[in-house]
Protein backbone atom coordinates (compact mmCIF):
# COMPACT_ATOMS: atom_id res chain seq x y z
CA MET A 1 -35.36 155.73 95.21
CA ILE A 2 -33.94 153.46 96.97
CA ASP A 3 -30.22 153.87 97.23
CA PHE A 4 -28.47 150.07 97.75
CA ASN A 5 -25.22 151.40 97.56
CA LYS A 6 -25.68 152.05 101.22
CA PHE A 7 -26.60 149.09 101.85
CA ALA A 8 -23.31 147.25 103.35
CA LYS A 9 -21.37 148.28 105.41
CA TYR A 10 -24.73 148.25 107.58
CA SER A 11 -24.85 144.42 107.46
CA LYS A 12 -24.30 143.16 111.28
CA PRO A 13 -26.14 140.84 114.07
CA GLY A 14 -28.78 142.68 115.12
CA PRO A 15 -32.44 141.84 117.02
CA ARG A 16 -35.54 141.61 114.57
CA TYR A 17 -37.65 143.58 117.19
CA THR A 18 -40.80 141.15 117.14
CA SER A 19 -40.91 142.31 120.68
CA TYR A 20 -38.47 144.92 122.80
CA PRO A 21 -36.70 144.46 125.14
CA THR A 22 -36.10 140.95 122.33
CA ALA A 23 -36.44 137.55 124.09
CA LEU A 24 -32.93 137.46 125.50
CA GLU A 25 -33.50 139.83 128.42
CA PHE A 26 -37.27 136.87 129.04
CA SER A 27 -36.78 135.73 132.55
CA GLU A 28 -37.98 132.73 133.93
CA LYS A 29 -38.36 134.78 137.69
CA PHE A 30 -41.65 135.59 135.73
CA ASP A 31 -43.54 132.45 136.15
CA ASN A 32 -47.15 131.39 136.40
CA LEU A 33 -47.49 133.75 139.40
CA ALA A 34 -46.66 136.94 137.78
CA TYR A 35 -48.87 135.85 134.59
CA ILE A 36 -51.71 135.36 136.36
CA GLU A 37 -51.08 138.99 138.59
CA ALA A 38 -50.20 140.49 134.87
CA LEU A 39 -53.98 138.93 133.50
CA GLY A 40 -55.39 141.12 135.64
CA ARG A 41 -54.09 144.30 134.90
CA HIS A 42 -55.39 144.93 131.53
CA THR A 43 -58.96 144.64 131.28
CA ASN A 44 -59.58 147.45 129.37
CA LEU A 45 -57.45 145.86 125.87
CA PRO A 46 -59.25 143.54 123.45
CA LEU A 47 -57.83 140.27 122.71
CA SER A 48 -55.55 138.63 120.49
CA LEU A 49 -54.90 135.07 120.35
CA TYR A 50 -52.20 132.80 119.09
CA THR A 51 -52.51 128.82 119.67
CA HIS A 52 -49.19 127.33 118.19
CA LEU A 53 -49.69 123.82 116.98
CA PRO A 54 -46.44 122.39 117.23
CA PHE A 55 -46.52 119.28 115.16
CA CYS A 56 -44.69 118.85 111.52
CA LYS A 57 -44.33 115.52 109.66
CA SER A 58 -40.34 115.50 108.46
CA ALA A 59 -37.34 119.20 109.28
CA CYS A 60 -37.38 122.00 106.87
CA TYR A 61 -33.89 122.74 106.95
CA PHE A 62 -34.61 126.65 106.95
CA CYS A 63 -37.43 127.03 109.91
CA GLY A 64 -36.46 128.66 112.76
CA CYS A 65 -39.75 127.88 113.85
CA SER A 66 -40.21 125.65 117.29
CA VAL A 67 -41.84 122.85 116.05
CA ILE A 68 -42.16 119.21 117.12
CA TYR A 69 -41.85 116.01 114.14
CA THR A 70 -44.51 113.79 114.20
CA SER A 71 -46.28 111.00 112.73
CA LYS A 72 -48.21 110.01 114.95
CA ASP A 73 -51.58 110.62 115.74
CA ASP A 74 -52.46 109.98 119.25
CA LYS A 75 -49.51 113.21 119.52
CA LYS A 76 -51.77 115.11 118.22
CA THR A 77 -54.86 114.02 120.05
CA GLU A 78 -52.78 114.12 123.32
CA TYR A 79 -52.26 117.91 122.67
CA ILE A 80 -55.35 119.25 121.61
CA LYS A 81 -56.09 117.51 125.86
CA TYR A 82 -53.58 120.08 126.64
CA LEU A 83 -54.77 122.75 124.95
CA LYS A 84 -58.36 122.25 126.28
CA LYS A 85 -56.74 121.79 130.43
CA GLU A 86 -54.59 125.36 129.14
CA LEU A 87 -58.04 127.15 128.62
CA ASP A 88 -59.92 126.03 131.29
CA LEU A 89 -57.04 126.68 134.15
CA LEU A 90 -56.96 130.59 131.48
CA LYS A 91 -60.21 131.16 132.07
CA ASN A 92 -60.38 131.22 135.51
CA HIS A 93 -57.78 134.73 135.64
CA LEU A 94 -58.68 136.32 132.70
CA ASP A 95 -61.95 137.94 131.07
CA THR A 96 -62.95 135.81 128.43
CA ASN A 97 -66.31 137.87 126.98
CA ARG A 98 -64.13 140.63 126.01
CA SER A 99 -63.96 141.35 122.28
CA VAL A 100 -61.64 138.92 120.49
CA LEU A 101 -59.88 140.80 117.39
CA GLN A 102 -57.42 138.07 116.07
CA PHE A 103 -57.03 134.81 116.21
CA HIS A 104 -54.15 132.27 114.78
CA PHE A 105 -53.22 129.33 114.61
CA GLY A 106 -49.21 129.25 114.03
CA GLY A 107 -46.72 125.95 113.62
CA GLY A 108 -45.45 124.05 113.08
CA THR A 109 -47.98 122.83 110.68
CA PRO A 110 -51.09 123.44 111.37
CA THR A 111 -52.72 121.19 108.32
CA PHE A 112 -50.66 118.77 109.46
CA PHE A 113 -54.33 118.66 112.23
CA ASP A 114 -57.03 116.40 110.34
CA ALA A 115 -60.29 118.56 109.42
CA LYS A 116 -62.36 116.72 112.99
CA SER A 117 -58.70 117.63 115.18
CA LEU A 118 -58.65 121.60 113.31
CA GLU A 119 -62.59 121.34 114.59
CA ILE A 120 -62.59 120.36 117.99
CA ILE A 121 -59.53 123.08 118.58
CA ILE A 122 -60.95 125.90 117.47
CA GLN A 123 -64.67 125.23 119.03
CA SER A 124 -62.32 124.36 122.46
CA ILE A 125 -61.35 127.99 121.72
CA TYR A 126 -64.74 129.22 120.40
CA LYS A 127 -66.11 128.04 123.90
CA ILE A 128 -64.46 130.25 126.05
CA PHE A 129 -63.96 132.97 123.46
CA SER A 130 -66.90 133.77 122.21
CA ASN A 131 -67.59 137.10 121.78
CA PHE A 132 -65.57 137.13 118.52
CA ALA A 133 -65.29 141.10 117.07
CA ARG A 134 -67.96 140.68 113.45
CA ASP A 135 -64.70 141.88 111.23
CA ALA A 136 -62.09 139.83 113.20
CA GLU A 137 -59.32 138.83 111.40
CA ILE A 138 -59.34 134.77 111.88
CA SER A 139 -56.13 133.36 110.13
CA CYS A 140 -53.84 129.64 110.04
CA GLU A 141 -50.59 128.96 108.30
CA ILE A 142 -50.65 126.61 105.23
CA ASP A 143 -48.55 123.92 103.47
CA PRO A 144 -49.81 123.33 100.91
CA ARG A 145 -48.00 119.63 100.85
CA PHE A 146 -50.97 119.06 104.19
CA PHE A 147 -54.22 120.72 102.39
CA ASN A 148 -57.62 119.12 101.71
CA GLU A 149 -61.26 120.16 101.00
CA ASP A 150 -62.05 118.99 104.03
CA GLN A 151 -60.07 121.24 106.76
CA MET A 152 -60.56 124.01 104.58
CA LYS A 153 -64.80 123.52 105.27
CA VAL A 154 -64.01 124.10 108.56
CA LEU A 155 -61.89 127.04 108.65
CA LYS A 156 -64.44 128.47 105.91
CA ASP A 157 -67.17 127.38 108.96
CA TYR A 158 -65.78 129.17 111.77
CA GLY A 159 -65.23 132.22 110.37
CA PHE A 160 -61.13 132.25 109.17
CA ASN A 161 -60.79 135.08 106.71
CA ARG A 162 -57.12 134.53 106.00
CA LEU A 163 -54.92 132.31 105.32
CA SER A 164 -50.61 132.09 104.83
CA PHE A 165 -49.06 129.64 102.73
CA GLY A 166 -45.55 128.71 103.24
CA VAL A 167 -43.64 128.66 99.65
CA GLN A 168 -40.01 130.63 100.29
CA ASP A 169 -39.19 129.48 96.30
CA PHE A 170 -40.81 127.39 93.46
CA ASP A 171 -36.95 126.49 92.64
CA MET A 172 -36.68 122.81 92.44
CA THR A 173 -32.84 122.29 93.67
CA VAL A 174 -33.95 124.97 95.95
CA GLN A 175 -36.87 123.32 97.48
CA THR A 176 -34.33 120.17 97.52
CA ALA A 177 -32.10 121.94 99.77
CA ILE A 178 -34.21 123.11 102.21
CA HIS A 179 -35.78 119.61 102.18
CA ARG A 180 -39.28 120.91 101.41
CA VAL A 181 -40.60 120.01 97.97
CA GLN A 182 -44.25 121.51 96.89
CA PRO A 183 -44.17 121.91 93.39
CA PHE A 184 -46.11 125.35 91.75
CA ASP A 185 -49.11 123.43 90.28
CA LEU A 186 -49.47 121.97 94.07
CA VAL A 187 -49.65 125.63 95.06
CA GLU A 188 -51.82 127.05 92.80
CA SER A 189 -54.37 123.86 93.32
CA ALA A 190 -53.48 124.88 96.98
CA VAL A 191 -55.09 128.45 96.82
CA ASN A 192 -57.44 128.11 94.38
CA LEU A 193 -59.30 125.76 97.09
CA ALA A 194 -59.24 128.25 99.56
CA ARG A 195 -60.77 131.31 96.80
CA LYS A 196 -63.26 128.97 96.33
CA TYR A 197 -64.68 128.99 99.34
CA GLY A 198 -65.00 132.72 99.71
CA ILE A 199 -60.45 133.04 101.04
CA GLU A 200 -59.88 136.36 99.59
CA CYS A 201 -56.72 137.03 102.08
CA ILE A 202 -53.84 134.82 100.94
CA ASN A 203 -50.59 136.13 102.08
CA PHE A 204 -47.45 133.97 100.74
CA ASP A 205 -43.96 133.47 102.94
CA LEU A 206 -40.72 133.89 100.76
CA ILE A 207 -37.53 133.57 101.49
CA TYR A 208 -34.13 134.86 99.52
CA GLY A 209 -30.50 133.61 100.53
CA LEU A 210 -31.75 130.09 100.49
CA PRO A 211 -28.86 127.28 99.28
CA ASN A 212 -29.00 127.28 95.64
CA GLN A 213 -30.91 130.41 94.97
CA ASN A 214 -29.69 133.23 92.36
CA LEU A 215 -30.86 136.24 90.75
CA ALA A 216 -32.23 134.24 87.72
CA SER A 217 -34.36 131.11 89.57
CA PHE A 218 -35.69 133.74 92.16
CA LYS A 219 -36.61 135.93 88.91
CA GLU A 220 -38.49 132.73 88.13
CA THR A 221 -40.24 132.38 91.22
CA LEU A 222 -41.50 136.11 91.57
CA GLU A 223 -42.56 135.81 88.03
CA SER A 224 -45.10 131.96 89.41
CA VAL A 225 -46.05 134.22 92.58
CA VAL A 226 -47.30 137.11 90.28
CA LYS A 227 -49.18 134.73 88.34
CA ILE A 228 -51.16 133.22 91.57
CA LYS A 229 -51.52 137.23 93.04
CA PRO A 230 -52.33 136.54 96.35
CA THR A 231 -52.75 140.19 98.39
CA ARG A 232 -50.38 140.51 100.16
CA LEU A 233 -46.06 138.79 100.65
CA ALA A 234 -43.89 138.49 103.01
CA VAL A 235 -40.09 137.98 102.04
CA PHE A 236 -37.57 137.42 104.46
CA ASN A 237 -33.74 137.24 104.72
CA TYR A 238 -33.28 133.51 105.56
CA ALA A 239 -31.28 133.63 109.19
CA HIS A 240 -28.90 131.21 109.31
CA VAL A 241 -28.48 129.99 112.33
CA PRO A 242 -27.35 126.67 113.19
CA TRP A 243 -26.55 127.40 116.45
CA ILE A 244 -30.04 128.18 117.52
CA LYS A 245 -32.06 125.60 115.37
CA LYS A 246 -29.73 122.12 114.91
CA THR A 247 -31.34 121.56 111.08
CA MET A 248 -30.09 124.45 109.54
CA ARG A 249 -26.81 122.39 110.26
CA LYS A 250 -28.08 119.99 107.47
CA ILE A 251 -27.54 122.53 105.41
CA ASP A 252 -24.37 123.63 103.37
CA GLU A 253 -23.10 126.52 103.51
CA ASN A 254 -21.07 126.65 100.60
CA LEU A 255 -24.30 126.68 98.69
CA LEU A 256 -25.55 130.26 100.26
CA PRO A 257 -25.56 132.78 97.92
CA PRO A 258 -23.30 135.48 99.21
CA PRO A 259 -24.16 138.57 99.85
CA SER A 260 -23.94 140.69 96.94
CA ASP A 261 -26.05 138.09 95.49
CA LYS A 262 -28.75 138.35 98.24
CA LEU A 263 -29.28 142.61 97.68
CA SER A 264 -29.32 142.32 93.80
CA ILE A 265 -32.21 139.30 94.70
CA LEU A 266 -33.63 142.19 97.27
CA LYS A 267 -33.27 145.02 94.75
CA TYR A 268 -34.90 143.30 91.95
CA THR A 269 -37.66 141.76 93.96
CA ILE A 270 -38.94 145.10 95.25
CA GLU A 271 -38.68 146.64 91.98
CA TYR A 272 -40.23 143.78 90.35
CA LEU A 273 -43.78 143.62 93.21
CA SER A 274 -43.88 147.09 92.46
CA GLN A 275 -44.63 146.95 89.25
CA ASN A 276 -47.00 144.34 89.58
CA GLY A 277 -49.39 146.29 91.55
CA TYR A 278 -47.39 145.92 94.85
CA LYS A 279 -47.01 148.19 97.88
CA MET A 280 -44.18 147.93 100.27
CA ILE A 281 -44.85 148.22 103.56
CA GLY A 282 -43.66 147.85 107.00
CA MET A 283 -40.29 145.66 107.19
CA ASP A 284 -40.16 143.28 104.00
CA HIS A 285 -43.58 143.22 103.59
CA PHE A 286 -45.73 144.09 100.64
CA ALA A 287 -49.65 144.61 99.85
CA LEU A 288 -51.74 145.06 97.07
CA GLU A 289 -53.36 148.87 96.84
CA SER A 290 -56.64 147.07 98.30
CA ASP A 291 -55.40 145.71 100.97
CA GLU A 292 -56.47 147.17 104.54
CA LEU A 293 -52.39 146.45 105.39
CA TYR A 294 -51.60 149.41 102.97
CA LYS A 295 -54.79 151.66 103.77
CA ALA A 296 -52.88 151.54 107.00
CA SER A 297 -49.68 152.40 106.63
CA LEU A 298 -50.59 155.08 104.52
CA LYS A 299 -52.30 156.32 107.80
CA GLY A 300 -49.85 155.49 109.80
CA GLU A 301 -51.14 153.27 111.52
CA LEU A 302 -49.84 149.47 110.72
CA LYS A 303 -49.06 147.42 114.00
CA ARG A 304 -47.27 144.64 114.57
CA ASN A 305 -47.38 141.76 117.21
CA PHE A 306 -46.59 137.89 117.15
CA GLN A 307 -48.58 137.40 114.54
CA GLY A 308 -47.65 139.64 111.97
CA TYR A 309 -48.44 143.09 110.71
CA THR A 310 -52.20 144.50 111.74
CA ALA A 311 -54.37 147.01 111.24
CA LYS A 312 -56.26 146.14 113.81
CA LYS A 313 -56.77 148.18 117.63
CA HIS A 314 -53.67 147.57 120.05
CA THR A 315 -54.96 144.07 121.77
CA GLN A 316 -53.67 141.91 124.40
CA THR A 317 -52.24 138.51 123.02
CA ILE A 318 -52.89 135.19 124.60
CA GLY A 319 -50.91 132.48 123.72
CA LEU A 320 -51.83 129.21 123.74
CA GLY A 321 -50.14 126.05 123.40
CA VAL A 322 -46.43 124.80 124.25
CA THR A 323 -43.81 127.71 123.29
CA SER A 324 -46.61 130.13 122.35
CA ILE A 325 -45.70 134.42 123.44
CA GLY A 326 -48.79 136.25 125.37
CA GLU A 327 -48.16 139.76 125.14
CA GLY A 328 -50.01 143.31 127.30
CA HIS A 329 -48.83 146.64 127.61
CA ASP A 330 -46.20 146.11 129.98
CA TYR A 331 -45.41 142.14 129.51
CA TYR A 332 -44.34 139.19 128.09
CA VAL A 333 -44.69 135.66 128.65
CA GLN A 334 -43.62 132.28 127.03
CA ASN A 335 -45.25 129.05 127.66
CA HIS A 336 -42.41 126.14 127.35
CA LYS A 337 -40.54 124.81 124.98
CA ASP A 338 -40.19 121.47 126.43
CA TYR A 339 -43.14 119.49 125.40
CA ALA A 340 -42.69 117.14 128.54
CA THR A 341 -42.36 119.86 131.01
CA TYR A 342 -45.33 122.08 129.53
CA MET A 343 -47.46 119.04 130.55
CA LYS A 344 -46.89 118.57 133.80
CA CYS A 345 -47.50 121.66 134.75
CA LEU A 346 -50.80 121.12 133.57
CA ASP A 347 -51.94 118.67 134.82
CA SER A 348 -50.47 120.25 137.85
CA GLY A 349 -53.14 122.83 137.66
CA ILE A 350 -50.39 125.17 136.52
CA LEU A 351 -50.30 127.65 133.90
CA PRO A 352 -46.90 126.90 131.43
CA VAL A 353 -45.27 129.92 132.14
CA GLN A 354 -40.86 128.74 131.30
CA ARG A 355 -40.98 132.98 131.67
CA GLY A 356 -41.09 135.71 130.77
CA ILE A 357 -40.55 140.15 131.67
CA LYS A 358 -42.47 142.65 133.43
CA LEU A 359 -41.56 146.20 132.03
CA ASN A 360 -40.91 149.06 133.61
CA ASP A 361 -41.27 153.05 132.49
CA GLU A 362 -38.21 153.09 130.53
CA ASP A 363 -38.95 149.91 128.97
CA ILE A 364 -42.48 150.97 127.76
CA LEU A 365 -41.36 154.48 126.49
CA ARG A 366 -38.33 152.63 124.41
CA LYS A 367 -40.74 150.17 123.26
CA ASN A 368 -43.29 152.86 122.03
CA ILE A 369 -40.21 154.50 120.28
CA ILE A 370 -38.89 151.35 118.37
CA MET A 371 -42.17 150.09 117.34
CA ARG A 372 -43.38 152.75 116.10
CA LEU A 373 -40.37 153.46 113.87
CA MET A 374 -40.36 149.88 112.81
CA ASN A 375 -43.75 149.63 112.17
CA ASN A 376 -44.36 152.98 109.94
CA PHE A 377 -40.34 154.78 109.44
CA VAL A 378 -41.88 157.98 111.34
CA LEU A 379 -41.98 159.25 114.88
CA ASP A 380 -43.89 161.69 116.44
CA ILE A 381 -41.71 163.40 118.78
CA LYS A 382 -44.37 165.98 120.46
CA HIS A 383 -46.45 162.84 120.71
CA ILE A 384 -44.25 160.59 122.71
CA GLU A 385 -43.02 163.52 124.97
CA GLU A 386 -47.11 164.68 125.73
CA LYS A 387 -47.85 161.11 127.09
CA PHE A 388 -44.82 160.02 128.45
CA ASN A 389 -44.06 163.33 130.16
CA ILE A 390 -40.15 164.09 128.67
CA ASN A 391 -37.88 166.13 126.92
CA PHE A 392 -36.70 164.25 123.90
CA LYS A 393 -34.18 165.61 122.82
CA GLU A 394 -32.62 164.73 126.81
CA HIS A 395 -34.00 162.53 127.43
CA PHE A 396 -32.53 160.40 124.35
CA LYS A 397 -29.73 163.01 123.78
CA ASP A 398 -26.49 159.44 123.52
CA SER A 399 -29.13 158.22 120.84
CA LEU A 400 -29.96 161.34 119.07
CA GLU A 401 -26.27 161.50 118.49
CA HIS A 402 -25.89 157.57 117.07
CA LEU A 403 -28.12 158.88 114.72
CA GLN A 404 -26.62 161.39 113.42
CA GLU A 405 -24.87 158.87 110.94
CA TYR A 406 -27.99 158.49 109.69
CA VAL A 407 -28.57 161.76 109.00
CA ASP A 408 -25.85 162.44 107.33
CA LEU A 409 -26.28 159.37 104.90
CA ASP A 410 -29.36 161.05 103.75
CA LEU A 411 -31.05 157.89 105.46
CA MET A 412 -33.26 160.33 107.93
CA THR A 413 -34.60 162.96 108.46
CA ILE A 414 -34.80 164.47 112.14
CA ASN A 415 -36.55 167.69 113.56
CA ASP A 416 -38.01 168.75 116.68
CA LYS A 417 -41.18 167.70 115.43
CA GLU A 418 -40.32 164.03 114.00
CA ILE A 419 -38.26 161.71 113.13
CA ARG A 420 -38.86 160.16 109.50
CA LEU A 421 -36.92 157.42 107.70
CA ASN A 422 -36.66 157.99 104.05
CA GLN A 423 -37.33 154.44 101.66
CA THR A 424 -34.00 153.47 102.04
CA GLY A 425 -33.60 154.84 105.81
CA SER A 426 -36.48 151.73 106.30
CA MET A 427 -34.70 149.18 104.60
CA LEU A 428 -32.29 150.31 107.25
CA VAL A 429 -35.19 150.31 110.32
CA ARG A 430 -33.15 147.49 111.86
CA ASN A 431 -30.24 149.17 112.55
CA ILE A 432 -31.12 152.40 113.36
CA VAL A 433 -33.95 151.49 115.70
CA MET A 434 -30.96 149.84 117.74
CA VAL A 435 -29.79 153.20 119.33
CA PHE A 436 -32.86 152.81 121.71
CA ASP A 437 -32.62 149.32 122.49
CA GLU A 438 -31.21 149.56 126.32
CA TYR A 439 -30.30 146.13 126.35
CA LEU A 440 -27.98 146.11 123.32
CA GLY A 441 -25.10 147.76 124.27
CA LYS A 442 -25.15 145.37 128.03
CA ILE A 443 -24.13 142.34 125.33
CA PRO A 444 -21.40 141.58 124.64
CA ILE A 445 -20.76 142.17 120.57
CA GLY A 446 -19.40 137.93 120.02
CA ASP A 447 -22.33 137.27 122.21
CA ARG A 448 -25.20 138.40 119.81
CA LYS A 449 -26.13 135.66 118.26
CA PHE A 450 -29.45 137.51 116.16
CA SER A 451 -29.18 136.60 112.62
CA LYS A 452 -27.27 139.89 109.78
CA THR A 453 -29.67 142.92 109.31
CA VAL A 454 -28.86 143.36 105.52
């Protein structure tokens, strides 16, 4: 059982640890040449491909993604040309015959591209990366407002087997406040279309903490979700960061639910979904028992990268497109966020790298610890000691002292063999892994511009 009474004191800004070190540590010193050198070091890992399709017709006020607003088709045609240029450059520095385990379209709004444009992009990628594993996870983010049968047919023809629908909330007053109106019938029709073409793995993204939300309205949203029965659910705590995303300033902060209401929504969500066949996995995710993510979580094999949770092996992520992020065993790299600069680099025959970081041995050690705890809520201490040739208790003496507070509150256990979070502790995993973050303490508290952990 989750003890929600222990939550309130831990609501503070903290990283989501999509990466470690976090993006705050990325530097422009890591440039095009550093990336090329990194690509040459990772020839033994299978590949994961992420393609960022950044365009949206209009702003969704809650969104924290990197997007470009346009209604011009020629803008999208131009972007395809530059994706091809980036692919042509990458193939000179990367063994593209390696096995591809994951391929994901993110955005923006990938389905803002019409069927023919999607097909051209996919063909361009498959021309360079042709060795897809038979069980590769090939997925696309879907905006139900921009989704039709021609697009679905293209996705199916090219092997896509997982679709993620942005739902957020079905309440019309909430949808109006966040500038994204999409009635239940529209979403249901979009999912039915996907299932008509044999797509069995369906994910919904929900968000709690949005303007005009309350427990009663979110109960109705959850009931509607269960009627459609997606196989996976991501239920995110809305991160209101208007100092980063200007469109969030359009949200009236007086309409945001107070922390107590958000906690009530979260508590009910966990209980309701559990009663309706969903198991909680990782951080803020749920899956049916038949889903491979749930099965991986039972074995302690759940992994997480910039594309989300996965049951696949460790991969090297290759990011394509403006603002996309790539990852290897000992580096992170991010393309330029500014579209004009992205194009200028490619016109000059240079990979469009804006920043990144090469990890040192200590970074890799701490990355392993943080990611294992974030994903599976347990850390095999002996495995870490053998892999990195350290005495864990000596190396992390200060961190273990900070963790004692969580042990005393019965949120986790620590012994010579393992660190293990219980169900309540898993809800506070972001707080707990902060003790292993070597960089966080160097950032003044007032400068920690992260979302709240609770």
